[in-house]
Amino acid sequence: MSLNDALLQWEKEQTEGASDPFAGLENAAFNSVSVSQHNRFGGFFFRPENECGDIT
C-alpha cells in the first residue's frame, strides 16, 4: 500500500462518525507539525552518533 493510500485510509477511519468532516484533516495537520517540530529539534530521526560515530 502506498503512503498516500495509507494516509487516505487513516483519514477515512478518523472521520467516520465525526460531525466535523474536517476533524481528521485538522488532526493530521496538527500531528504532522508536532512530528516535524520534534524531528527539527533532534527527535526520532536525528542521531548525531549515527553520523559521526559515538560522540560521548
N, C-alpha and C. Protein backbone atom coordinates (compact mmCIF):
# COMPACT_ATOMS: atom_id res chain seq x y z
N MET A 1 0.86 -1.17 0.00
CA MET A 1 0.00 0.00 0.00
C MET A 1 0.90 1.24 0.00
N SER A 2 0.61 2.17 -0.85
CA SER A 2 1.41 3.39 -0.91
C SER A 2 1.13 4.27 0.31
N LEU A 3 2.05 5.17 0.59
CA LEU A 3 1.88 6.08 1.71
C LEU A 3 0.62 6.93 1.53
N ASN A 4 0.37 7.39 0.32
CA ASN A 4 -0.81 8.20 0.05
C ASN A 4 -2.08 7.41 0.35
N ASP A 5 -2.15 6.15 -0.10
CA ASP A 5 -3.32 5.32 0.17
C ASP A 5 -3.49 5.08 1.67
N ALA A 6 -2.38 4.85 2.35
CA ALA A 6 -2.44 4.62 3.80
C ALA A 6 -2.96 5.86 4.52
N LEU A 7 -2.50 7.04 4.10
CA LEU A 7 -2.98 8.27 4.71
C LEU A 7 -4.46 8.50 4.44
N LEU A 8 -4.89 8.21 3.22
CA LEU A 8 -6.31 8.35 2.90
C LEU A 8 -7.16 7.39 3.73
N GLN A 9 -6.69 6.16 3.90
CA GLN A 9 -7.41 5.18 4.71
C GLN A 9 -7.47 5.64 6.16
N TRP A 10 -6.36 6.13 6.67
CA TRP A 10 -6.31 6.60 8.06
C TRP A 10 -7.27 7.77 8.24
N GLU A 11 -7.27 8.70 7.27
CA GLU A 11 -8.16 9.85 7.34
C GLU A 11 -9.61 9.39 7.37
N LYS A 12 -9.94 8.42 6.53
CA LYS A 12 -11.31 7.90 6.48
C LYS A 12 -11.70 7.31 7.83
N GLU A 13 -10.80 6.54 8.44
CA GLU A 13 -11.08 5.94 9.74
C GLU A 13 -11.24 7.01 10.82
N GLN A 14 -10.46 8.08 10.73
CA GLN A 14 -10.52 9.14 11.74
C GLN A 14 -11.81 9.94 11.64
N THR A 15 -12.36 10.06 10.44
CA THR A 15 -13.52 10.92 10.25
C THR A 15 -14.84 10.17 10.26
N GLU A 16 -14.80 8.84 10.30
CA GLU A 16 -16.05 8.08 10.33
C GLU A 16 -16.81 8.41 11.60
N GLY A 17 -18.06 8.81 11.44
CA GLY A 17 -18.89 9.13 12.59
C GLY A 17 -18.62 10.49 13.20
N ALA A 18 -17.71 11.24 12.64
CA ALA A 18 -17.41 12.56 13.18
C ALA A 18 -18.40 13.57 12.62
N SER A 19 -18.86 14.49 13.47
CA SER A 19 -19.79 15.51 12.99
C SER A 19 -19.06 16.58 12.18
N ASP A 20 -17.78 16.76 12.42
CA ASP A 20 -16.98 17.73 11.68
C ASP A 20 -16.23 17.00 10.57
N PRO A 21 -16.59 17.22 9.30
CA PRO A 21 -15.93 16.48 8.22
C PRO A 21 -14.45 16.79 8.08
N PHE A 22 -13.99 17.89 8.68
CA PHE A 22 -12.58 18.26 8.58
C PHE A 22 -11.78 17.88 9.83
N ALA A 23 -12.40 17.19 10.77
CA ALA A 23 -11.72 16.84 12.02
C ALA A 23 -10.47 16.00 11.75
N GLY A 24 -10.58 15.03 10.85
CA GLY A 24 -9.43 14.19 10.55
C GLY A 24 -8.29 14.96 9.92
N LEU A 25 -8.63 15.90 9.03
CA LEU A 25 -7.60 16.72 8.40
C LEU A 25 -6.91 17.62 9.41
N GLU A 26 -7.70 18.19 10.33
CA GLU A 26 -7.13 19.04 11.36
C GLU A 26 -6.18 18.24 12.25
N ASN A 27 -6.60 17.04 12.64
CA ASN A 27 -5.75 16.19 13.48
C ASN A 27 -4.48 15.79 12.75
N ALA A 28 -4.61 15.44 11.47
CA ALA A 28 -3.44 15.03 10.69
C ALA A 28 -2.47 16.20 10.55
N ALA A 29 -2.99 17.39 10.29
CA ALA A 29 -2.12 18.57 10.15
C ALA A 29 -1.41 18.87 11.47
N PHE A 30 -2.15 18.81 12.57
CA PHE A 30 -1.54 19.06 13.87
C PHE A 30 -0.47 18.03 14.18
N ASN A 31 -0.77 16.76 13.93
CA ASN A 31 0.20 15.70 14.21
C ASN A 31 1.44 15.83 13.35
N SER A 32 1.28 16.21 12.08
CA SER A 32 2.45 16.33 11.21
C SER A 32 3.33 17.49 11.65
N VAL A 33 2.73 18.58 12.12
CA VAL A 33 3.51 19.70 12.63
C VAL A 33 4.24 19.29 13.90
N SER A 34 3.56 18.55 14.78
CA SER A 34 4.20 18.10 16.02
C SER A 34 5.40 17.21 15.73
N VAL A 35 5.25 16.27 14.81
CA VAL A 35 6.35 15.37 14.46
C VAL A 35 7.46 16.16 13.79
N SER A 36 7.10 17.10 12.92
CA SER A 36 8.10 17.91 12.24
C SER A 36 8.92 18.71 13.25
N GLN A 37 8.26 19.32 14.21
CA GLN A 37 8.97 20.08 15.23
C GLN A 37 9.85 19.18 16.07
N HIS A 38 9.34 17.99 16.39
CA HIS A 38 10.13 17.03 17.17
C HIS A 38 11.39 16.65 16.42
N ASN A 39 11.26 16.36 15.15
CA ASN A 39 12.42 15.97 14.34
C ASN A 39 13.39 17.14 14.18
N ARG A 40 12.86 18.33 14.05
CA ARG A 40 13.70 19.52 13.87
C ARG A 40 14.63 19.72 15.07
N PHE A 41 14.15 19.35 16.23
CA PHE A 41 14.94 19.57 17.44
C PHE A 41 15.58 18.29 17.96
N GLY A 42 15.94 17.39 17.04
CA GLY A 42 16.69 16.20 17.43
C GLY A 42 15.82 15.07 17.92
N GLY A 43 14.71 14.84 17.25
CA GLY A 43 13.79 13.78 17.64
C GLY A 43 14.23 12.42 17.15
N PHE A 44 13.26 11.65 16.72
CA PHE A 44 13.47 10.25 16.37
C PHE A 44 14.56 10.03 15.32
N PHE A 45 14.61 10.90 14.31
CA PHE A 45 15.37 10.58 13.12
C PHE A 45 16.77 11.18 13.10
N PHE A 46 17.10 12.02 14.05
CA PHE A 46 18.44 12.60 14.05
C PHE A 46 19.21 12.07 15.24
N ARG A 47 20.23 11.35 14.94
CA ARG A 47 21.09 10.80 15.98
C ARG A 47 22.53 11.15 15.61
N PRO A 48 23.13 12.15 16.25
CA PRO A 48 24.49 12.55 15.88
C PRO A 48 25.47 11.39 15.94
N GLU A 49 25.30 10.47 16.88
CA GLU A 49 26.24 9.35 16.98
C GLU A 49 26.20 8.46 15.74
N ASN A 50 25.06 8.46 15.03
CA ASN A 50 24.97 7.69 13.79
C ASN A 50 25.72 8.39 12.65
N GLU A 51 25.87 9.69 12.75
CA GLU A 51 26.57 10.45 11.72
C GLU A 51 28.09 10.39 11.90
N CYS A 52 28.55 10.46 13.14
CA CYS A 52 29.98 10.64 13.40
C CYS A 52 30.56 9.53 14.28
N GLY A 53 29.84 8.50 14.51
CA GLY A 53 30.30 7.51 15.48
C GLY A 53 29.87 7.95 16.87
N ASP A 54 30.33 7.30 17.88
CA ASP A 54 29.97 7.62 19.26
C ASP A 54 30.59 8.96 19.64
N ILE A 55 29.74 9.93 20.00
CA ILE A 55 30.24 11.28 20.29
C ILE A 55 30.46 11.50 21.78
N THR A 56 30.29 10.49 22.60
CA THR A 56 30.48 10.69 24.04
C THR A 56 31.91 10.43 24.45
